[in-house]
Amino acid sequence: MTTAPARLAVVLIGHGSPATDTPPQLVGELMSLEWRKGAGGHHHAERPADDDSAAIHARMAELDTTIRRWQRHAGNDPYKAGLERLAAALKPLLPTELFAVGYNEFCAPSIEEAIGGMIAQGATRILVIPTMLTPGGVHSEIDVPRTLVHLREHHPGVSIEYVWPFDLQQVAALLATHVARTAQAPPPAAPRP
């Protein structure tokens, strides 16, 4: 019996940022609750459960949804606009048409939603690549892998692979090329006082 070839998808993961016009009290309350429950992954270590755990988790989910679904445009979320420009440049270089962008926090779609969308389109092998380039970051080393473990448990027939960490020599070469190109250009004019 022959197995069908895997249907490849790529999901680019960005950090995510609240829109600049999101009420700061919403973000502050979410972060405070994450700290209290230890559910923020990178915010603090796990804490013991409180009696009001279900209520806290419900409020966290409500705040997370409100913040992620806040109306976005380049003026109020330059990070998302920048990541979408990177995604547009990356997509034609990939060996597949199945491609999505997801966000670790504060922005939609979430990692779960992006990967779920690829699975809904028939992906059986998903390569997940973060925009975080260096090792040591909590998002790339803890948050994203934790989310992927959960997704693998719920989609055992799909290969979900984390394409990280990056080869630091390749990252260094990218940065050095950028520096060399800039160094060859004339310096910008000094701003006038």
N, C-alpha and C. Protein backbone atom coordinates (compact mmCIF):
# COMPACT_ATOMS: atom_id res chain seq x y z
N MET A 1 0.83 -1.18 0.00
CA MET A 1 0.00 0.00 0.00
C MET A 1 0.88 1.25 0.00
N THR A 2 0.57 2.18 -0.84
CA THR A 2 1.34 3.41 -0.96
C THR A 2 0.63 4.54 -0.23
N THR A 3 1.42 5.31 0.50
CA THR A 3 0.82 6.46 1.19
C THR A 3 0.93 7.68 0.30
N ALA A 4 -0.06 8.53 0.40
CA ALA A 4 -0.06 9.77 -0.38
C ALA A 4 1.04 10.69 0.12
N PRO A 5 1.64 11.47 -0.78
CA PRO A 5 2.66 12.41 -0.32
C PRO A 5 2.04 13.47 0.59
N ALA A 6 2.86 13.94 1.51
CA ALA A 6 2.38 14.95 2.45
C ALA A 6 2.03 16.23 1.69
N ARG A 7 0.97 16.86 2.11
CA ARG A 7 0.59 18.17 1.56
C ARG A 7 1.20 19.22 2.47
N LEU A 8 2.20 19.92 1.96
CA LEU A 8 3.02 20.83 2.75
C LEU A 8 2.36 22.20 2.91
N ALA A 9 2.49 22.75 4.12
CA ALA A 9 2.08 24.12 4.42
C ALA A 9 3.17 24.76 5.25
N VAL A 10 3.25 26.08 5.18
CA VAL A 10 4.19 26.85 6.00
C VAL A 10 3.39 27.89 6.76
N VAL A 11 3.69 28.01 8.06
CA VAL A 11 3.06 29.03 8.90
C VAL A 11 4.17 29.89 9.49
N LEU A 12 4.12 31.18 9.17
CA LEU A 12 5.07 32.16 9.69
C LEU A 12 4.48 32.74 10.98
N ILE A 13 5.27 32.69 12.05
CA ILE A 13 4.79 33.17 13.34
C ILE A 13 5.50 34.46 13.73
N GLY A 14 4.70 35.47 14.03
CA GLY A 14 5.22 36.72 14.55
C GLY A 14 4.84 36.87 16.00
N HIS A 15 5.49 37.81 16.67
CA HIS A 15 5.20 38.04 18.08
C HIS A 15 3.77 38.52 18.26
N GLY A 16 3.38 39.57 17.57
CA GLY A 16 2.08 40.19 17.76
C GLY A 16 2.19 41.36 18.72
N SER A 17 1.33 42.32 18.51
CA SER A 17 1.35 43.53 19.32
C SER A 17 -0.07 44.05 19.42
N PRO A 18 -0.46 44.61 20.55
CA PRO A 18 -1.79 45.23 20.60
C PRO A 18 -1.83 46.42 19.64
N ALA A 19 -2.97 46.64 19.03
CA ALA A 19 -3.14 47.85 18.23
C ALA A 19 -2.91 49.05 19.13
N THR A 20 -2.35 50.11 18.58
CA THR A 20 -2.01 51.27 19.41
C THR A 20 -3.22 51.95 20.02
N ASP A 21 -4.41 51.73 19.44
CA ASP A 21 -5.61 52.33 20.01
C ASP A 21 -6.43 51.36 20.86
N THR A 22 -5.85 50.21 21.15
CA THR A 22 -6.49 49.30 22.10
C THR A 22 -6.42 49.94 23.48
N PRO A 23 -7.53 49.99 24.21
CA PRO A 23 -7.46 50.60 25.56
C PRO A 23 -6.40 49.90 26.41
N PRO A 24 -5.45 50.66 26.94
CA PRO A 24 -4.36 50.04 27.70
C PRO A 24 -4.84 49.27 28.92
N GLN A 25 -5.99 49.64 29.47
CA GLN A 25 -6.48 48.91 30.64
C GLN A 25 -6.84 47.46 30.28
N LEU A 26 -7.24 47.21 29.02
CA LEU A 26 -7.53 45.83 28.60
C LEU A 26 -6.25 45.00 28.58
N VAL A 27 -5.20 45.55 28.00
CA VAL A 27 -3.92 44.84 27.93
C VAL A 27 -3.37 44.66 29.34
N GLY A 28 -3.45 45.71 30.16
CA GLY A 28 -2.96 45.62 31.53
C GLY A 28 -3.69 44.57 32.34
N GLU A 29 -5.01 44.52 32.19
CA GLU A 29 -5.79 43.52 32.92
C GLU A 29 -5.41 42.11 32.47
N LEU A 30 -5.27 41.91 31.15
CA LEU A 30 -4.89 40.58 30.65
C LEU A 30 -3.54 40.17 31.21
N MET A 31 -2.58 41.05 31.15
CA MET A 31 -1.24 40.71 31.65
C MET A 31 -1.24 40.45 33.14
N SER A 32 -2.05 41.21 33.87
CA SER A 32 -2.16 41.01 35.31
C SER A 32 -2.75 39.64 35.62
N LEU A 33 -3.79 39.26 34.88
CA LEU A 33 -4.40 37.94 35.09
C LEU A 33 -3.44 36.82 34.68
N GLU A 34 -2.69 37.04 33.59
CA GLU A 34 -1.70 36.03 33.19
C GLU A 34 -0.66 35.86 34.29
N TRP A 35 -0.22 36.95 34.86
CA TRP A 35 0.75 36.87 35.94
C TRP A 35 0.15 36.12 37.12
N ARG A 36 -1.09 36.46 37.44
CA ARG A 36 -1.76 35.84 38.60
C ARG A 36 -1.91 34.34 38.42
N LYS A 37 -2.26 33.92 37.23
CA LYS A 37 -2.48 32.50 36.98
C LYS A 37 -1.24 31.77 36.48
N GLY A 38 -0.23 32.53 36.09
CA GLY A 38 0.95 31.87 35.53
C GLY A 38 0.67 31.30 34.16
N ALA A 39 -0.44 31.74 33.52
CA ALA A 39 -0.84 31.19 32.23
C ALA A 39 -0.20 31.90 31.06
N GLY A 40 0.58 32.92 31.33
CA GLY A 40 1.16 33.69 30.24
C GLY A 40 2.38 33.03 29.63
N GLY A 41 2.73 31.83 30.09
CA GLY A 41 3.88 31.15 29.52
C GLY A 41 5.16 31.87 29.88
N HIS A 42 5.42 32.98 29.23
CA HIS A 42 6.66 33.70 29.42
C HIS A 42 6.60 34.68 30.57
N HIS A 43 5.41 34.98 31.06
CA HIS A 43 5.31 36.01 32.08
C HIS A 43 5.83 35.53 33.43
N HIS A 44 5.43 34.35 33.84
CA HIS A 44 5.88 33.83 35.13
C HIS A 44 5.71 32.32 35.15
N ALA A 45 6.35 31.70 36.10
CA ALA A 45 6.21 30.25 36.26
C ALA A 45 4.79 29.92 36.69
N GLU A 46 4.42 28.66 36.54
CA GLU A 46 3.09 28.23 36.94
C GLU A 46 2.86 28.53 38.41
N ARG A 47 1.67 28.98 38.71
CA ARG A 47 1.29 29.29 40.09
C ARG A 47 0.17 28.33 40.50
N PRO A 48 -0.02 28.13 41.79
CA PRO A 48 -1.10 27.26 42.24
C PRO A 48 -2.46 27.80 41.80
N ALA A 49 -3.40 26.90 41.58
CA ALA A 49 -4.75 27.29 41.16
C ALA A 49 -5.48 27.98 42.30
N ASP A 50 -6.25 29.00 41.95
CA ASP A 50 -7.09 29.70 42.92
C ASP A 50 -8.49 29.13 42.84
N ASP A 51 -9.32 29.48 43.84
CA ASP A 51 -10.71 29.04 43.83
C ASP A 51 -11.46 29.61 42.64
N ASP A 52 -11.06 30.80 42.20
CA ASP A 52 -11.76 31.46 41.10
C ASP A 52 -11.09 31.21 39.76
N SER A 53 -10.42 30.08 39.62
CA SER A 53 -9.66 29.76 38.42
C SER A 53 -10.51 29.80 37.15
N ALA A 54 -11.69 29.22 37.18
CA ALA A 54 -12.54 29.21 35.98
C ALA A 54 -12.94 30.62 35.57
N ALA A 55 -13.27 31.45 36.54
CA ALA A 55 -13.65 32.84 36.23
C ALA A 55 -12.47 33.61 35.66
N ILE A 56 -11.29 33.39 36.20
CA ILE A 56 -10.10 34.08 35.71
C ILE A 56 -9.80 33.64 34.28
N HIS A 57 -9.86 32.34 34.02
CA HIS A 57 -9.59 31.85 32.67
C HIS A 57 -10.63 32.37 31.68
N ALA A 58 -11.87 32.45 32.09
CA ALA A 58 -12.92 32.98 31.21
C ALA A 58 -12.65 34.45 30.89
N ARG A 59 -12.27 35.22 31.90
CA ARG A 59 -11.98 36.64 31.66
C ARG A 59 -10.73 36.80 30.79
N MET A 60 -9.72 35.96 31.02
CA MET A 60 -8.52 36.01 30.18
C MET A 60 -8.87 35.72 28.73
N ALA A 61 -9.70 34.72 28.50
CA ALA A 61 -10.10 34.37 27.13
C ALA A 61 -10.87 35.52 26.49
N GLU A 62 -11.75 36.15 27.26
CA GLU A 62 -12.52 37.28 26.76
C GLU A 62 -11.60 38.45 26.38
N LEU A 63 -10.66 38.78 27.26
CA LEU A 63 -9.73 39.87 26.98
C LEU A 63 -8.83 39.54 25.78
N ASP A 64 -8.33 38.31 25.75
CA ASP A 64 -7.46 37.88 24.65
C ASP A 64 -8.19 38.02 23.31
N THR A 65 -9.43 37.58 23.26
CA THR A 65 -10.22 37.68 22.04
C THR A 65 -10.45 39.14 21.65
N THR A 66 -10.81 39.97 22.61
CA THR A 66 -11.05 41.39 22.33
C THR A 66 -9.80 42.05 21.78
N ILE A 67 -8.66 41.80 22.40
CA ILE A 67 -7.40 42.42 21.96
C ILE A 67 -6.98 41.89 20.60
N ARG A 68 -7.05 40.56 20.42
CA ARG A 68 -6.64 39.97 19.13
C ARG A 68 -7.54 40.42 17.98
N ARG A 69 -8.82 40.61 18.25
CA ARG A 69 -9.78 40.95 17.20
C ARG A 69 -9.97 42.46 17.01
N TRP A 70 -9.19 43.27 17.72
CA TRP A 70 -9.29 44.72 17.57
C TRP A 70 -9.06 45.08 16.12
N GLN A 71 -9.84 46.02 15.60
CA GLN A 71 -9.70 46.45 14.21
C GLN A 71 -8.26 46.92 13.94
N ARG A 72 -7.65 46.38 12.90
CA ARG A 72 -6.24 46.69 12.61
C ARG A 72 -6.09 47.37 11.25
N HIS A 73 -5.09 48.24 11.18
CA HIS A 73 -4.65 48.84 9.93
C HIS A 73 -3.22 49.29 10.16
N ALA A 74 -2.53 49.66 9.10
CA ALA A 74 -1.11 50.01 9.22
C ALA A 74 -0.88 51.15 10.21
N GLY A 75 -1.85 52.05 10.35
CA GLY A 75 -1.69 53.17 11.27
C GLY A 75 -1.74 52.79 12.73
N ASN A 76 -2.50 51.75 13.08
CA ASN A 76 -2.59 51.39 14.50
C ASN A 76 -1.87 50.08 14.83
N ASP A 77 -1.32 49.43 13.81
CA ASP A 77 -0.53 48.22 14.07
C ASP A 77 0.58 48.10 13.03
N PRO A 78 1.62 48.92 13.18
CA PRO A 78 2.72 48.86 12.22
C PRO A 78 3.46 47.52 12.24
N TYR A 79 3.45 46.83 13.39
CA TYR A 79 4.11 45.52 13.44
C TYR A 79 3.40 44.53 12.51
N LYS A 80 2.08 44.46 12.60
CA LYS A 80 1.34 43.54 11.75
C LYS A 80 1.53 43.89 10.28
N ALA A 81 1.51 45.18 9.97
CA ALA A 81 1.72 45.61 8.59
C ALA A 81 3.11 45.18 8.11
N GLY A 82 4.10 45.32 8.97
CA GLY A 82 5.46 44.90 8.61
C GLY A 82 5.57 43.40 8.41
N LEU A 83 4.94 42.63 9.29
CA LEU A 83 4.99 41.18 9.14
C LEU A 83 4.26 40.73 7.88
N GLU A 84 3.17 41.39 7.55
CA GLU A 84 2.46 41.05 6.31
C GLU A 84 3.31 41.36 5.08
N ARG A 85 4.12 42.43 5.14
CA ARG A 85 5.04 42.71 4.02
C ARG A 85 6.09 41.62 3.91
N LEU A 86 6.63 41.18 5.05
CA LEU A 86 7.59 40.07 5.04
C LEU A 86 6.93 38.81 4.48
N ALA A 87 5.72 38.52 4.91
CA ALA A 87 5.00 37.33 4.42
C ALA A 87 4.81 37.39 2.90
N ALA A 88 4.46 38.57 2.39
CA ALA A 88 4.26 38.73 0.94
C ALA A 88 5.57 38.48 0.18
N ALA A 89 6.70 38.88 0.76
CA ALA A 89 7.99 38.64 0.12
C ALA A 89 8.41 37.17 0.23
N LEU A 90 8.04 36.52 1.32
CA LEU A 90 8.42 35.13 1.56
C LEU A 90 7.60 34.15 0.73
N LYS A 91 6.32 34.39 0.62
CA LYS A 91 5.41 33.42 -0.01
C LYS A 91 5.87 32.91 -1.37
N PRO A 92 6.27 33.76 -2.31
CA PRO A 92 6.67 33.22 -3.62
C PRO A 92 7.97 32.42 -3.59
N LEU A 93 8.70 32.48 -2.50
CA LEU A 93 9.96 31.73 -2.38
C LEU A 93 9.75 30.33 -1.80
N LEU A 94 8.54 30.03 -1.35
CA LEU A 94 8.27 28.77 -0.66
C LEU A 94 7.91 27.66 -1.64
N PRO A 95 8.13 26.41 -1.23
CA PRO A 95 7.82 25.27 -2.11
C PRO A 95 6.36 24.82 -2.02
N THR A 96 5.47 25.69 -1.58
CA THR A 96 4.06 25.35 -1.44
C THR A 96 3.21 26.61 -1.56
N GLU A 97 1.97 26.42 -1.94
CA GLU A 97 1.01 27.53 -1.98
C GLU A 97 0.29 27.69 -0.65
N LEU A 98 0.31 26.64 0.18
CA LEU A 98 -0.35 26.71 1.48
C LEU A 98 0.53 27.48 2.45
N PHE A 99 0.09 28.67 2.80
CA PHE A 99 0.90 29.56 3.62
C PHE A 99 -0.02 30.43 4.46
N ALA A 100 0.36 30.63 5.71
CA ALA A 100 -0.42 31.48 6.60
C ALA A 100 0.51 32.20 7.56
N VAL A 101 -0.01 33.26 8.14
CA VAL A 101 0.69 34.01 9.18
C VAL A 101 -0.12 33.84 10.46
N GLY A 102 0.58 33.64 11.57
CA GLY A 102 -0.07 33.56 12.88
C GLY A 102 0.72 34.40 13.87
N TYR A 103 0.09 34.70 15.00
CA TYR A 103 0.72 35.54 16.01
C TYR A 103 0.73 34.85 17.36
N ASN A 104 1.85 35.00 18.05
CA ASN A 104 2.00 34.41 19.37
C ASN A 104 1.03 35.03 20.38
N GLU A 105 0.85 36.35 20.31
CA GLU A 105 -0.06 37.00 21.25
C GLU A 105 -0.55 38.32 20.68
N PHE A 106 -1.62 38.83 21.26
CA PHE A 106 -2.17 40.16 21.01
C PHE A 106 -2.79 40.39 19.64
N CYS A 107 -2.68 39.49 18.71
CA CYS A 107 -3.11 39.74 17.35
C CYS A 107 -3.66 38.45 16.75
N ALA A 108 -4.55 38.59 15.80
CA ALA A 108 -5.15 37.43 15.13
C ALA A 108 -4.64 37.37 13.70
N PRO A 109 -4.55 36.15 13.18
CA PRO A 109 -4.95 34.90 13.81
C PRO A 109 -3.88 34.38 14.78
N SER A 110 -4.33 33.62 15.74
CA SER A 110 -3.42 32.99 16.69
C SER A 110 -2.67 31.87 15.97
N ILE A 111 -1.67 31.33 16.63
CA ILE A 111 -0.94 30.18 16.08
C ILE A 111 -1.92 29.04 15.82
N GLU A 112 -2.80 28.79 16.79
CA GLU A 112 -3.78 27.70 16.64
C GLU A 112 -4.68 27.94 15.44
N GLU A 113 -5.14 29.17 15.25
CA GLU A 113 -6.03 29.48 14.13
C GLU A 113 -5.30 29.34 12.80
N ALA A 114 -4.07 29.82 12.73
CA ALA A 114 -3.31 29.73 11.47
C ALA A 114 -3.06 28.28 11.09
N ILE A 115 -2.64 27.48 12.05
CA ILE A 115 -2.38 26.06 11.76
C ILE A 115 -3.68 25.33 11.47
N GLY A 116 -4.74 25.65 12.23
CA GLY A 116 -6.04 25.04 11.96
C GLY A 116 -6.53 25.34 10.55
N GLY A 117 -6.28 26.56 10.08
CA GLY A 117 -6.66 26.92 8.72
C GLY A 117 -5.90 26.10 7.68
N MET A 118 -4.64 25.84 7.94
CA MET A 118 -3.85 25.03 7.00
C MET A 118 -4.34 23.58 6.99
N ILE A 119 -4.69 23.07 8.17
CA ILE A 119 -5.22 21.70 8.25
C ILE A 119 -6.55 21.63 7.52
N ALA A 120 -7.39 22.65 7.68
CA ALA A 120 -8.69 22.69 7.00
C ALA A 120 -8.52 22.70 5.48
N GLN A 121 -7.39 23.23 5.01
CA GLN A 121 -7.12 23.26 3.57
C GLN A 121 -6.40 22.00 3.09
N GLY A 122 -6.25 21.02 3.98
CA GLY A 122 -5.70 19.73 3.58
C GLY A 122 -4.24 19.51 3.88
N ALA A 123 -3.60 20.40 4.61
CA ALA A 123 -2.18 20.22 4.93
C ALA A 123 -2.01 19.00 5.84
N THR A 124 -1.01 18.20 5.52
CA THR A 124 -0.68 17.05 6.36
C THR A 124 0.72 17.17 6.96
N ARG A 125 1.47 18.15 6.47
CA ARG A 125 2.79 18.47 7.03
C ARG A 125 2.89 19.99 7.08
N ILE A 126 3.12 20.52 8.28
CA ILE A 126 3.16 21.96 8.47
C ILE A 126 4.50 22.35 9.08
N LEU A 127 5.20 23.24 8.38
CA LEU A 127 6.45 23.78 8.88
C LEU A 127 6.15 25.14 9.52
N VAL A 128 6.48 25.26 10.79
CA VAL A 128 6.21 26.48 11.54
C VAL A 128 7.53 27.21 11.74
N ILE A 129 7.58 28.45 11.24
CA ILE A 129 8.82 29.22 11.31
C ILE A 129 8.55 30.56 11.99
N PRO A 130 9.27 30.85 13.08
CA PRO A 130 9.06 32.13 13.76
C PRO A 130 9.92 33.22 13.16
N THR A 131 9.55 34.46 13.44
CA THR A 131 10.37 35.59 13.01
C THR A 131 11.42 35.93 14.05
N MET A 132 11.39 35.27 15.19
CA MET A 132 12.39 35.52 16.23
C MET A 132 13.68 34.81 15.82
N LEU A 133 14.74 35.55 15.60
CA LEU A 133 15.95 34.99 15.00
C LEU A 133 16.94 34.41 15.99
N THR A 134 17.01 34.95 17.19
CA THR A 134 18.06 34.54 18.11
C THR A 134 17.56 33.58 19.18
N PRO A 135 18.43 32.71 19.65
CA PRO A 135 18.05 31.82 20.75
C PRO A 135 17.93 32.60 22.06
N GLY A 136 17.25 32.00 23.00
CA GLY A 136 17.13 32.59 24.32
C GLY A 136 15.83 33.33 24.57
N GLY A 137 15.04 33.56 23.55
CA GLY A 137 13.78 34.26 23.73
C GLY A 137 12.70 33.35 24.27
N VAL A 138 11.90 33.86 25.16
CA VAL A 138 10.86 33.05 25.79
C VAL A 138 9.80 32.63 24.78
N HIS A 139 9.46 33.50 23.85
CA HIS A 139 8.43 33.14 22.86
C HIS A 139 8.91 31.98 21.99
N SER A 140 10.12 32.11 21.44
CA SER A 140 10.61 31.07 20.53
C SER A 140 10.98 29.79 21.25
N GLU A 141 11.42 29.88 22.49
CA GLU A 141 11.87 28.68 23.20
C GLU A 141 10.80 28.03 24.08
N ILE A 142 9.79 28.80 24.49
CA ILE A 142 8.79 28.23 25.40
C ILE A 142 7.38 28.34 24.83
N ASP A 143 6.94 29.56 24.53
CA ASP A 143 5.55 29.77 24.14
C ASP A 143 5.16 29.02 22.87
N VAL A 144 5.91 29.22 21.79
CA VAL A 144 5.56 28.56 20.53
C VAL A 144 5.65 27.04 20.67
N PRO A 145 6.75 26.48 21.21
CA PRO A 145 6.80 25.02 21.35
C PRO A 145 5.65 24.46 22.20
N ARG A 146 5.27 25.17 23.27
CA ARG A 146 4.17 24.71 24.12
C ARG A 146 2.87 24.65 23.32
N THR A 147 2.62 25.65 22.51
CA THR A 147 1.43 25.67 21.67
C THR A 147 1.46 24.52 20.67
N LEU A 148 2.62 24.26 20.09
CA LEU A 148 2.73 23.18 19.10
C LEU A 148 2.52 21.81 19.72
N VAL A 149 2.98 21.60 20.95
CA VAL A 149 2.72 20.34 21.65
C VAL A 149 1.22 20.11 21.75
N HIS A 150 0.50 21.13 22.17
CA HIS A 150 -0.96 21.06 22.29
C HIS A 150 -1.60 20.74 20.94
N LEU A 151 -1.16 21.41 19.88
CA LEU A 151 -1.73 21.18 18.55
C LEU A 151 -1.44 19.78 18.04
N ARG A 152 -0.23 19.28 18.29
CA ARG A 152 0.11 17.91 17.87
C ARG A 152 -0.79 16.88 18.55
N GLU A 153 -1.11 17.12 19.82
CA GLU A 153 -2.00 16.21 20.54
C GLU A 153 -3.39 16.18 19.91
N HIS A 154 -3.85 17.32 19.42
CA HIS A 154 -5.19 17.41 18.84
C HIS A 154 -5.24 17.06 17.36
N HIS A 155 -4.09 16.97 16.71
CA HIS A 155 -4.02 16.64 15.28
C HIS A 155 -2.93 15.59 15.06
N PRO A 156 -3.13 14.38 15.59
CA PRO A 156 -2.07 13.37 15.52
C PRO A 156 -1.75 12.92 14.09
N GLY A 157 -2.64 13.12 13.15
CA GLY A 157 -2.38 12.71 11.76
C GLY A 157 -1.63 13.76 10.95
N VAL A 158 -1.28 14.87 11.58
CA VAL A 158 -0.60 15.96 10.88
C VAL A 158 0.79 16.14 11.48
N SER A 159 1.79 16.21 10.63
CA SER A 159 3.15 16.48 11.09
C SER A 159 3.30 18.00 11.24
N ILE A 160 3.50 18.45 12.47
CA ILE A 160 3.69 19.88 12.76
C ILE A 160 5.12 20.04 13.25
N GLU A 161 5.95 20.65 12.41
CA GLU A 161 7.38 20.74 12.68
C GLU A 161 7.78 22.18 12.94
N TYR A 162 8.58 22.37 13.95
CA TYR A 162 9.06 23.71 14.32
C TYR A 162 10.42 23.92 13.68
N VAL A 163 10.52 24.85 12.74
CA VAL A 163 11.74 25.10 11.99
C VAL A 163 12.54 26.17 12.75
N TRP A 164 13.08 25.78 13.86
CA TRP A 164 13.82 26.67 14.74
C TRP A 164 14.66 25.82 15.66
N PRO A 165 15.81 26.20 16.14
CA PRO A 165 16.46 27.49 15.99
C PRO A 165 17.09 27.63 14.61
N PHE A 166 17.40 28.86 14.30
CA PHE A 166 18.04 29.15 13.04
C PHE A 166 19.54 28.91 13.15
N ASP A 167 20.16 28.64 12.01
CA ASP A 167 21.61 28.52 11.94
C ASP A 167 22.18 29.94 12.16
N LEU A 168 22.88 30.13 13.26
CA LEU A 168 23.37 31.47 13.60
C LEU A 168 24.38 32.00 12.59
N GLN A 169 25.09 31.12 11.90
CA GLN A 169 26.01 31.58 10.85
C GLN A 169 25.22 32.20 9.69
N GLN A 170 24.06 31.60 9.37
CA GLN A 170 23.23 32.17 8.30
C GLN A 170 22.60 33.50 8.73
N VAL A 171 22.18 33.57 9.98
CA VAL A 171 21.62 34.83 10.50
C VAL A 171 22.70 35.91 10.47
N ALA A 172 23.92 35.55 10.91
CA ALA A 172 25.02 36.50 10.91
C ALA A 172 25.34 36.95 9.49
N ALA A 173 25.31 36.03 8.53
CA ALA A 173 25.59 36.39 7.13
C ALA A 173 24.52 37.35 6.60
N LEU A 174 23.25 37.12 6.94
CA LEU A 174 22.19 38.04 6.54
C LEU A 174 22.44 39.43 7.08
N LEU A 175 22.76 39.53 8.36
CA LEU A 175 23.01 40.83 8.99
C LEU A 175 24.25 41.50 8.41
N ALA A 176 25.32 40.72 8.18
CA ALA A 176 26.54 41.27 7.63
C ALA A 176 26.33 41.79 6.21
N THR A 177 25.53 41.09 5.42
CA THR A 177 25.21 41.55 4.06
C THR A 177 24.49 42.88 4.11
N HIS A 178 23.56 43.00 5.03
CA HIS A 178 22.81 44.25 5.18
C HIS A 178 23.74 45.39 5.60
N VAL A 179 24.63 45.12 6.54
CA VAL A 179 25.59 46.13 6.99
C VAL A 179 26.51 46.53 5.83
N ALA A 180 27.02 45.55 5.08
CA ALA A 180 27.93 45.84 3.97
C ALA A 180 27.24 46.70 2.91
N ARG A 181 26.00 46.38 2.58
CA ARG A 181 25.26 47.16 1.59
C ARG A 181 25.07 48.61 2.07
N THR A 182 24.73 48.76 3.34
CA THR A 182 24.54 50.10 3.91
C THR A 182 25.86 50.85 3.99
N ALA A 183 26.94 50.18 4.35
CA ALA A 183 28.24 50.82 4.48
C ALA A 183 28.75 51.34 3.13
N GLN A 184 28.36 50.70 2.03
CA GLN A 184 28.79 51.13 0.70
C GLN A 184 28.04 52.36 0.21
N ALA A 185 26.88 52.63 0.78
CA ALA A 185 26.09 53.79 0.38
C ALA A 185 26.63 55.03 1.08
N PRO A 186 26.46 56.18 0.45
CA PRO A 186 26.89 57.41 1.14
C PRO A 186 26.06 57.61 2.40
N PRO A 187 26.69 58.17 3.44
CA PRO A 187 25.92 58.40 4.68
C PRO A 187 24.81 59.40 4.45
N PRO A 188 23.73 59.28 5.19
CA PRO A 188 22.64 60.23 5.04
C PRO A 188 23.09 61.61 5.51
N ALA A 189 22.44 62.61 4.97
CA ALA A 189 22.76 63.98 5.39
C ALA A 189 22.40 64.16 6.86
N ALA A 190 23.23 64.90 7.55
CA ALA A 190 22.98 65.14 8.98
C ALA A 190 21.72 66.00 9.12
N PRO A 191 20.88 65.69 10.09
CA PRO A 191 19.68 66.51 10.28
C PRO A 191 20.08 67.93 10.70
N ARG A 192 19.33 68.87 10.23
CA ARG A 192 19.59 70.27 10.59
C ARG A 192 18.95 70.57 11.92
N PRO A 193 19.67 71.40 12.73
CA PRO A 193 19.10 71.75 14.06
C PRO A 193 17.86 72.59 13.96
